[in-house]
């Protein structure tokens, strides 16, 4: 997956864009796929975090986390935590375990 200033998320495999999804009014700055390949998260230029329904349908839930663009996203090795850094200097650790695992 790739994101850019064109306000689209692109699904890429074997050097080819298979699908692209509109991201609405905000450009996404970061995207991360969980190690299990079952969760996809994105950060935006407006400081929001998005949890996309996966496999992708374009549906997502959005949370305001930062007051500036998201500069980095990472998943913990066990897929329990999403780490988000923003240009506002804050770091968020979010519990993102799947409902069945809770």
Protein backbone atom coordinates (compact mmCIF):
# COMPACT_ATOMS: atom_id res chain seq x y z
CA UNK A 1 0.00 0.00 0.00
CA UNK A 2 1.13 3.54 -0.72
CA UNK A 3 -0.22 7.00 0.06
CA UNK A 4 0.67 10.45 -1.22
CA UNK A 5 -0.45 14.02 -1.73
CA UNK A 6 -2.94 12.96 -4.43
CA UNK A 7 -5.43 12.00 -1.66
CA UNK A 8 -5.53 8.35 -2.72
CA UNK A 9 -4.42 5.09 -1.15
CA UNK A 10 -3.03 2.65 -3.68
CA UNK A 11 -2.96 -1.12 -3.39
CA UNK A 12 0.20 -2.30 -5.14
CA UNK A 13 1.43 -5.80 -5.97
CA UNK A 14 4.10 -6.93 -8.39
CA UNK A 15 4.93 -3.31 -9.32
CA UNK A 16 1.37 -2.63 -10.47
CA UNK A 17 -1.36 -0.50 -8.89
CA UNK A 18 -4.29 -2.90 -8.52
CA UNK A 19 -6.77 -0.48 -6.96
CA UNK A 20 -6.86 3.02 -5.60
CA UNK A 21 -9.18 4.44 -2.97
CA UNK A 22 -10.09 8.07 -2.42
CA UNK A 23 -9.06 9.29 1.03
CA UNK A 24 -11.57 12.14 1.07
CA UNK A 25 -10.54 15.69 1.86
CA UNK A 26 -7.31 14.96 3.77
CA UNK A 27 -4.12 13.56 2.28
CA UNK A 28 -2.70 10.55 4.12
CA UNK A 29 0.89 10.86 5.31
CA UNK A 30 1.55 7.35 6.64
CA UNK A 31 0.15 3.85 6.22
CA UNK A 32 0.95 0.65 8.09
CA UNK A 33 -0.28 -2.92 7.62
CA UNK A 34 -0.22 -5.20 10.66
CA UNK A 35 2.25 -8.07 10.71
CA UNK A 36 -0.67 -10.51 10.45
CA UNK A 37 -1.90 -8.69 7.34
CA UNK A 38 -5.39 -8.32 8.86
CA UNK A 39 -5.39 -4.66 10.00
CA UNK A 40 -4.56 -1.48 8.09
CA UNK A 41 -4.04 1.94 9.67
CA UNK A 42 -3.28 5.35 8.20
CA UNK A 43 -2.37 8.81 9.50
CA UNK A 44 -3.38 12.07 7.87
CA UNK A 45 -2.09 15.58 7.36
CA UNK A 46 -4.80 16.81 9.76
CA UNK A 47 -3.52 14.58 12.60
CA UNK A 48 -6.21 11.91 12.42
CA UNK A 49 -5.70 8.16 12.60
CA UNK A 50 -7.79 5.87 10.45
CA UNK A 51 -8.59 2.21 10.95
CA UNK A 52 -9.58 0.73 7.60
CA UNK A 53 -11.96 -2.18 7.20
CA UNK A 54 -9.81 -4.96 5.80
CA UNK A 55 -9.86 -6.36 3.16
CA UNK A 56 -10.27 -2.84 1.82
CA UNK A 57 -13.71 -1.57 0.96
CA UNK A 58 -12.87 2.11 1.45
CA UNK A 59 -14.71 2.15 4.80
CA UNK A 60 -12.83 3.38 7.86
CA UNK A 61 -13.17 4.74 11.37
CA UNK A 62 -11.33 7.97 12.13
CA UNK A 63 -9.94 9.32 15.41
CA UNK A 64 -8.44 12.74 16.07
CA UNK A 65 -5.09 12.05 17.76
CA UNK A 66 -2.65 14.83 16.86
CA UNK A 67 -2.93 18.58 16.32
CA UNK A 68 -0.49 18.41 13.39
CA UNK A 69 0.26 15.89 10.61
CA UNK A 70 1.06 12.29 11.52
CA UNK A 71 4.78 11.81 10.83
CA UNK A 72 5.20 8.08 11.58
CA UNK A 73 3.14 4.95 12.26
CA UNK A 74 4.40 1.57 13.46
CA UNK A 75 2.93 -1.67 14.76
CA UNK A 76 4.30 -3.67 17.68
CA UNK A 77 5.73 -7.08 16.81
CA UNK A 78 2.63 -8.82 18.24
CA UNK A 79 0.10 -6.47 16.55
CA UNK A 80 -1.29 -5.34 19.93
CA UNK A 81 -0.13 -1.71 19.75
CA UNK A 82 -0.21 1.02 17.14
CA UNK A 83 2.41 3.72 17.71
CA UNK A 84 1.74 7.15 16.21
CA UNK A 85 4.07 10.16 16.18
CA UNK A 86 2.92 13.59 15.10
CA UNK A 87 4.65 16.79 14.06
CA UNK A 88 3.09 18.25 17.22
CA UNK A 89 5.71 16.29 19.21
CA UNK A 90 3.29 13.80 20.74
CA UNK A 91 3.47 10.00 20.75
CA UNK A 92 0.35 7.85 21.04
CA UNK A 93 0.26 4.16 21.91
CA UNK A 94 -3.09 2.62 21.03
CA UNK A 95 -4.37 -0.85 21.94
CA UNK A 96 -5.53 -2.24 18.60
CA UNK A 97 -5.95 -5.92 19.40
CA UNK A 98 -8.66 -7.59 17.37
CA UNK A 99 -11.93 -8.07 19.25
CA UNK A 100 -11.54 -11.87 19.33
CA UNK A 101 -8.14 -11.51 21.08
CA UNK A 102 -9.46 -9.27 23.89
